[in-house]
N, C-alpha and C. Protein backbone atom coordinates (compact mmCIF):
# COMPACT_ATOMS: atom_id res chain seq x y z
N MET A 1 -17.52 116.07 59.76
CA MET A 1 -18.55 115.14 61.18
C MET A 1 -17.51 114.41 61.75
N PRO A 2 -16.92 114.02 62.48
CA PRO A 2 -16.27 113.07 63.39
C PRO A 2 -15.94 111.78 62.59
N ILE A 3 -15.27 111.08 62.82
CA ILE A 3 -15.18 109.46 62.77
C ILE A 3 -15.32 109.35 63.69
N GLN A 4 -15.62 107.89 64.41
CA GLN A 4 -15.52 107.00 65.63
C GLN A 4 -15.51 105.88 65.57
N HIS A 5 -14.75 105.54 65.93
CA HIS A 5 -14.01 103.75 66.47
C HIS A 5 -14.26 102.93 67.34
N PHE A 6 -15.02 101.55 67.52
CA PHE A 6 -14.85 100.84 68.52
C PHE A 6 -14.08 99.73 68.18
N ALA A 7 -13.11 99.79 69.08
CA ALA A 7 -12.11 98.98 69.07
C ALA A 7 -12.14 97.26 69.23
N PRO A 8 -11.65 96.20 69.08
CA PRO A 8 -12.10 95.10 69.88
C PRO A 8 -12.01 94.80 70.98
N PRO A 9 -12.26 93.99 71.76
CA PRO A 9 -12.41 93.74 73.45
C PRO A 9 -10.97 93.48 73.24
N PRO A 10 -10.30 93.92 74.15
CA PRO A 10 -8.74 93.64 75.06
C PRO A 10 -8.39 92.29 74.87
N HIS A 11 -9.10 91.51 75.06
CA HIS A 11 -9.08 90.08 75.54
C HIS A 11 -8.98 89.41 73.67
N VAL A 12 -9.18 89.99 72.77
CA VAL A 12 -9.59 88.66 71.88
C VAL A 12 -8.45 90.02 70.48
N LYS A 13 -7.22 88.57 70.17
CA LYS A 13 -6.52 89.52 69.49
C LYS A 13 -7.11 89.32 68.19
N ALA A 14 -7.09 90.53 67.56
CA ALA A 14 -7.86 91.01 66.01
C ALA A 14 -6.69 91.64 65.22
N PRO A 15 -6.64 91.35 63.84
CA PRO A 15 -6.21 92.13 63.11
C PRO A 15 -6.27 93.73 63.37
N PRO A 16 -5.37 94.13 62.32
CA PRO A 16 -5.34 96.15 62.91
C PRO A 16 -7.05 96.27 61.83
N LEU A 17 -7.84 96.94 62.54
CA LEU A 17 -9.14 97.53 62.11
C LEU A 17 -9.95 97.54 63.87
N SER A 18 -11.43 97.99 63.23
CA SER A 18 -12.14 98.53 63.95
C SER A 18 -13.07 98.01 64.57
N PHE A 19 -13.24 96.96 65.22
CA PHE A 19 -15.02 95.94 65.30
C PHE A 19 -16.03 97.34 65.03
N ALA A 20 -15.84 98.22 64.88
CA ALA A 20 -17.39 98.96 64.44
C ALA A 20 -17.18 100.39 63.76
N THR A 21 -17.12 101.56 63.27
CA THR A 21 -16.61 102.57 62.62
C THR A 21 -18.22 103.52 62.64
N ARG A 22 -18.02 104.58 63.23
CA ARG A 22 -19.46 104.98 63.14
C ARG A 22 -19.44 106.94 62.24
N VAL A 23 -20.08 106.82 61.06
CA VAL A 23 -19.79 108.43 60.52
C VAL A 23 -21.41 108.59 60.31
N GLY A 24 -21.78 110.24 61.06
CA GLY A 24 -23.10 110.27 60.95
C GLY A 24 -23.79 109.33 61.72
N ASP A 25 -24.91 108.59 60.63
CA ASP A 25 -25.69 108.46 61.47
C ASP A 25 -25.90 107.03 61.28
N LEU A 26 -24.61 106.45 60.29
CA LEU A 26 -24.60 105.15 59.70
C LEU A 26 -23.17 104.27 60.79
N LEU A 27 -23.91 103.20 61.06
CA LEU A 27 -22.33 102.85 62.13
C LEU A 27 -22.31 100.84 61.09
N PHE A 28 -20.44 100.64 60.58
CA PHE A 28 -20.50 100.01 59.83
C PHE A 28 -19.61 99.13 61.31
N VAL A 29 -20.21 97.67 61.40
CA VAL A 29 -19.26 96.72 61.79
C VAL A 29 -18.90 95.62 61.03
N SER A 30 -17.32 95.54 60.80
CA SER A 30 -16.62 94.93 60.63
C SER A 30 -16.74 93.19 60.75
N GLY A 31 -16.01 92.70 59.78
CA GLY A 31 -16.63 91.28 59.93
C GLY A 31 -16.82 90.41 61.30
N ILE A 32 -17.22 89.40 61.86
CA ILE A 32 -16.78 89.74 62.85
C ILE A 32 -17.50 88.05 63.06
N PRO A 33 -15.94 86.91 63.06
CA PRO A 33 -16.05 85.79 63.47
C PRO A 33 -16.51 85.37 64.37
N GLY A 34 -16.85 83.68 64.74
CA GLY A 34 -17.95 83.13 66.21
C GLY A 34 -16.87 83.17 66.94
N PHE A 35 -16.08 83.67 67.72
CA PHE A 35 -14.97 83.72 68.75
C PHE A 35 -16.12 83.94 70.26
N ASP A 36 -15.40 83.05 71.29
CA ASP A 36 -15.76 83.29 71.84
C ASP A 36 -15.96 84.63 73.21
N ALA A 37 -15.84 84.11 74.64
CA ALA A 37 -15.81 85.96 75.24
C ALA A 37 -14.23 85.93 76.33
N ASN A 38 -13.55 84.40 75.67
CA ASN A 38 -12.33 84.31 76.11
C ASN A 38 -11.25 84.60 74.68
N GLY A 39 -11.84 84.60 73.29
CA GLY A 39 -11.20 84.66 72.35
C GLY A 39 -10.63 83.20 71.11
N ALA A 40 -11.72 82.41 72.23
CA ALA A 40 -11.16 81.41 71.27
C ALA A 40 -12.07 80.87 70.34
N LEU A 41 -12.10 79.97 69.76
CA LEU A 41 -13.14 80.09 68.39
C LEU A 41 -13.60 78.30 68.54
N PRO A 42 -14.88 78.59 68.80
CA PRO A 42 -15.14 76.75 69.76
C PRO A 42 -15.56 76.13 67.74
N GLU A 43 -15.11 74.86 68.06
CA GLU A 43 -15.99 74.17 66.91
C GLU A 43 -17.79 73.97 66.37
N GLY A 44 -18.07 73.75 65.69
CA GLY A 44 -19.40 74.06 65.48
C GLY A 44 -20.40 74.57 65.18
N PHE A 45 -20.55 74.78 64.08
CA PHE A 45 -21.46 76.17 63.46
C PHE A 45 -22.06 76.81 64.05
N GLU A 46 -23.60 76.00 65.11
CA GLU A 46 -24.16 76.63 65.92
C GLU A 46 -23.80 77.49 67.16
N THR A 47 -22.02 76.70 67.61
CA THR A 47 -22.21 77.55 69.01
C THR A 47 -21.18 79.04 68.27
N GLN A 48 -20.89 78.82 67.33
CA GLN A 48 -19.97 80.04 66.26
C GLN A 48 -20.87 81.00 65.82
N PHE A 49 -22.15 80.83 65.38
CA PHE A 49 -22.92 81.70 64.91
C PHE A 49 -23.43 82.28 66.17
N ALA A 50 -23.66 81.38 67.32
CA ALA A 50 -24.63 81.67 68.42
C ALA A 50 -22.89 83.00 68.74
N ASN A 51 -21.88 83.47 69.12
CA ASN A 51 -20.89 83.68 69.43
C ASN A 51 -20.96 85.07 68.67
N VAL A 52 -21.26 85.23 67.63
CA VAL A 52 -21.05 85.98 66.50
C VAL A 52 -22.49 86.81 66.77
N VAL A 53 -23.37 86.73 67.01
CA VAL A 53 -24.54 87.06 67.36
C VAL A 53 -24.17 87.90 68.04
N VAL A 54 -23.95 87.23 69.67
CA VAL A 54 -23.10 88.49 70.86
C VAL A 54 -22.69 88.87 70.70
N ASN A 55 -21.28 89.15 69.68
CA ASN A 55 -20.28 90.12 69.68
C ASN A 55 -21.13 91.33 69.18
N ILE A 56 -22.11 91.13 67.73
CA ILE A 56 -22.50 91.90 66.96
C ILE A 56 -23.31 92.78 67.95
N LYS A 57 -23.99 92.08 69.06
CA LYS A 57 -25.20 92.53 69.58
C LYS A 57 -24.10 93.30 70.53
N ARG A 58 -23.10 93.36 71.02
CA ARG A 58 -22.05 93.73 72.44
C ARG A 58 -21.52 95.38 71.41
N VAL A 59 -21.25 95.10 69.85
CA VAL A 59 -20.61 95.89 69.53
C VAL A 59 -21.98 97.31 69.30
N LEU A 60 -22.81 96.66 68.05
CA LEU A 60 -24.54 97.19 68.50
C LEU A 60 -24.33 98.79 69.52
N GLY A 61 -24.33 97.46 71.00
CA GLY A 61 -24.84 98.63 72.17
C GLY A 61 -23.83 99.53 73.03
N GLU A 62 -22.43 99.27 72.74
CA GLU A 62 -21.00 100.34 72.96
C GLU A 62 -21.88 101.65 71.71
N ALA A 63 -22.37 101.34 70.59
CA ALA A 63 -22.52 102.64 69.67
C ALA A 63 -24.16 102.72 69.62
N GLY A 64 -24.73 101.96 71.11
CA GLY A 64 -25.96 102.95 71.50
C GLY A 64 -27.37 102.22 69.97
N ALA A 65 -26.74 101.26 69.70
CA ALA A 65 -27.93 100.35 69.11
C ALA A 65 -28.24 98.99 69.51
N GLY A 66 -29.29 98.70 68.33
CA GLY A 66 -29.61 97.32 69.04
C GLY A 66 -29.83 96.51 67.68
N MET A 67 -30.03 95.09 66.93
CA MET A 67 -30.82 94.70 66.28
C MET A 67 -31.43 95.01 65.02
N HIS A 68 -32.60 95.64 65.54
CA HIS A 68 -33.47 95.90 65.40
C HIS A 68 -33.24 97.59 64.16
N ASP A 69 -32.29 98.21 64.89
CA ASP A 69 -31.75 99.04 64.08
C ASP A 69 -30.77 98.50 62.67
N LEU A 70 -30.79 97.91 62.36
CA LEU A 70 -29.66 96.76 61.16
C LEU A 70 -30.22 97.30 60.13
N VAL A 71 -29.55 97.48 58.92
CA VAL A 71 -30.12 97.63 57.58
C VAL A 71 -29.38 97.35 56.46
N LYS A 72 -28.48 96.23 57.09
CA LYS A 72 -27.85 95.71 55.74
C LYS A 72 -26.82 94.61 56.16
N VAL A 73 -26.73 93.31 56.08
CA VAL A 73 -26.37 92.02 56.98
C VAL A 73 -25.56 91.73 55.84
N ASN A 74 -24.26 90.91 55.75
CA ASN A 74 -23.20 90.52 54.59
C ASN A 74 -22.60 88.85 55.50
N VAL A 75 -23.10 87.49 55.21
CA VAL A 75 -22.72 86.57 56.09
C VAL A 75 -22.03 85.72 54.81
N LEU A 76 -20.84 85.73 55.10
CA LEU A 76 -20.12 84.82 54.29
C LEU A 76 -19.56 83.19 55.59
N LEU A 77 -19.48 82.49 55.07
CA LEU A 77 -19.99 80.77 55.27
C LEU A 77 -19.06 79.93 54.26
N THR A 78 -18.21 79.34 55.34
CA THR A 78 -17.08 78.23 54.65
C THR A 78 -17.67 76.68 53.91
N ARG A 79 -19.02 76.81 54.52
CA ARG A 79 -19.78 75.35 54.05
C ARG A 79 -20.88 76.04 53.48
N ALA A 80 -21.55 75.48 52.58
CA ALA A 80 -22.56 75.38 51.66
C ALA A 80 -23.41 74.41 52.58
N SER A 81 -23.18 73.90 53.01
CA SER A 81 -24.15 73.10 54.26
C SER A 81 -24.48 73.40 55.33
N ASP A 82 -24.06 74.70 55.62
CA ASP A 82 -24.17 75.77 56.83
C ASP A 82 -25.63 76.16 56.09
N VAL A 83 -26.01 76.40 54.88
CA VAL A 83 -26.64 77.55 54.82
C VAL A 83 -28.23 77.49 55.62
N ALA A 84 -28.58 75.80 55.54
CA ALA A 84 -29.88 76.36 56.29
C ALA A 84 -29.76 76.13 57.23
N ALA A 85 -28.81 75.69 57.97
CA ALA A 85 -28.93 76.15 59.68
C ALA A 85 -28.67 77.35 59.94
N MET A 86 -27.86 77.99 59.15
CA MET A 86 -27.89 79.80 58.99
C MET A 86 -28.69 80.83 59.09
N ASN A 87 -29.57 79.71 57.92
CA ASN A 87 -31.04 80.54 58.14
C ASN A 87 -31.76 80.99 59.25
N ALA A 88 -32.21 79.01 59.69
CA ALA A 88 -33.19 78.98 60.78
C ALA A 88 -32.75 79.69 62.12
N LEU A 89 -31.20 79.77 62.30
CA LEU A 89 -30.85 80.63 63.59
C LEU A 89 -30.87 81.89 63.40
N TYR A 90 -30.77 82.57 61.76
CA TYR A 90 -30.33 84.03 61.38
C TYR A 90 -32.10 84.14 61.48
N ALA A 91 -32.81 84.25 61.54
CA ALA A 91 -34.14 84.21 61.20
C ALA A 91 -34.70 84.77 63.45
N GLY A 92 -34.24 83.30 63.61
CA GLY A 92 -34.38 83.84 65.06
C GLY A 92 -33.37 84.98 65.72
N ALA A 93 -32.13 85.34 65.96
CA ALA A 93 -31.90 85.97 65.82
C ALA A 93 -31.66 87.48 65.66
N PHE A 94 -32.02 87.43 64.25
CA PHE A 94 -32.05 89.21 63.49
C PHE A 94 -33.81 89.27 63.50
N GLY A 95 -34.67 88.54 64.09
CA GLY A 95 -36.34 88.63 64.17
C GLY A 95 -36.67 89.76 65.53
N PRO A 96 -37.84 89.78 64.47
CA PRO A 96 -38.97 89.01 63.99
C PRO A 96 -38.77 90.06 63.07
N PRO A 97 -39.74 90.26 62.05
CA PRO A 97 -39.70 90.43 60.61
C PRO A 97 -39.91 91.88 61.03
N PRO A 98 -39.51 93.00 60.12
CA PRO A 98 -38.78 92.60 58.67
C PRO A 98 -37.66 93.09 59.01
N TYR A 99 -36.67 92.13 58.14
CA TYR A 99 -35.43 91.43 58.42
C TYR A 99 -34.52 92.25 57.78
N PRO A 100 -32.98 92.79 58.27
CA PRO A 100 -32.40 93.88 56.84
C PRO A 100 -32.13 93.29 55.84
N ALA A 101 -31.45 94.01 55.35
CA ALA A 101 -30.91 93.50 53.91
C ALA A 101 -29.81 92.18 53.56
N ARG A 102 -29.56 91.56 53.03
CA ARG A 102 -28.82 90.59 53.27
C ARG A 102 -28.33 90.28 51.83
N THR A 103 -26.86 89.83 52.21
CA THR A 103 -26.17 88.63 51.08
C THR A 103 -25.45 87.85 51.59
N THR A 104 -25.86 86.74 51.48
CA THR A 104 -24.95 85.41 51.89
C THR A 104 -24.57 84.47 50.72
N CYS A 105 -22.78 84.16 51.34
CA CYS A 105 -21.45 83.78 50.66
C CYS A 105 -21.49 82.61 50.94
N VAL A 106 -21.23 81.85 50.08
CA VAL A 106 -20.55 80.46 50.46
C VAL A 106 -18.69 81.09 50.19
N VAL A 107 -17.58 80.93 50.54
CA VAL A 107 -16.37 80.90 51.01
C VAL A 107 -15.88 79.98 50.85
N GLN A 108 -14.47 80.30 49.80
CA GLN A 108 -13.80 79.09 50.18
C GLN A 108 -12.96 78.93 51.12
N ALA A 109 -12.51 80.15 52.02
CA ALA A 109 -11.89 80.34 53.70
C ALA A 109 -12.08 81.83 53.70
N LEU A 110 -11.96 81.75 55.34
CA LEU A 110 -11.79 82.58 55.73
C LEU A 110 -10.31 82.65 56.48
N PRO A 111 -10.03 84.04 57.38
CA PRO A 111 -8.50 83.85 57.68
C PRO A 111 -8.49 82.79 58.59
N ASP A 112 -8.95 82.33 59.30
CA ASP A 112 -8.69 81.38 60.30
C ASP A 112 -9.34 79.68 59.81
N PRO A 113 -8.62 78.73 59.54
CA PRO A 113 -9.31 77.67 59.21
C PRO A 113 -10.63 77.51 59.56
N LYS A 114 -10.54 77.63 61.25
CA LYS A 114 -11.45 77.04 61.32
C LYS A 114 -12.64 77.87 62.02
N MET A 115 -12.73 78.91 61.17
CA MET A 115 -13.75 80.12 60.90
C MET A 115 -15.48 79.52 60.34
N LEU A 116 -16.34 79.35 60.72
CA LEU A 116 -17.11 78.46 59.94
C LEU A 116 -18.13 79.59 59.34
N ILE A 117 -17.95 81.00 59.77
CA ILE A 117 -18.97 82.01 59.99
C ILE A 117 -18.09 83.47 60.12
N GLU A 118 -18.91 84.59 59.78
CA GLU A 118 -18.01 85.98 59.82
C GLU A 118 -19.45 86.56 59.13
N ILE A 119 -19.89 87.74 60.43
CA ILE A 119 -21.36 88.41 59.76
C ILE A 119 -20.69 89.78 59.88
N GLU A 120 -20.76 90.78 58.68
CA GLU A 120 -20.87 92.49 58.92
C GLU A 120 -21.62 92.59 59.03
N ALA A 121 -21.69 93.97 58.98
CA ALA A 121 -23.47 94.80 59.10
C ALA A 121 -23.25 95.99 58.58
N VAL A 122 -24.60 96.26 58.67
CA VAL A 122 -24.82 98.27 58.80
C VAL A 122 -25.99 98.60 59.51
N ALA A 123 -26.03 99.60 60.51
CA ALA A 123 -26.87 100.13 61.13
C ALA A 123 -26.79 100.96 60.62
N SER A 124 -27.98 101.52 61.44
CA SER A 124 -28.52 102.99 61.40
C SER A 124 -29.16 103.35 62.39
N LEU A 125 -28.08 104.35 62.89
CA LEU A 125 -28.20 105.17 64.00
C LEU A 125 -29.58 106.54 64.48
N ALA A 126 -30.00 106.59 63.24
CA ALA A 126 -31.04 107.89 62.56
C ALA A 126 -32.39 107.63 64.32
N LYS A 127 -32.31 108.46 65.19
CA LYS A 127 -33.30 107.90 65.84
C LYS A 127 -34.73 109.26 65.49
């Protein structure tokens, strides 16, 4: 079974990785931070969260999937004070229920000190 790789958008300066990798009926979405369409990292948790969702939807769409196909989500936050806001925003972006399985971690840092959130996910492409 071949492995299919989904590259980062050309305007985004990304480390050496695929934004997603498909093997069989599973799509593994790399951790995606809150970069905007120009590759810039805006200030503010809500704006970064919204950008993460846009980028996840784009990657899922390229693979023929949508948010309803997510089976597992890992959320990395750099501030515990953002957990409540993340839960509220997450409910709207990843709902309606049932939601995918999820782990949320507060980490000391992400690769760029301005990053407040990063989300990685696994989606099922079985139809």
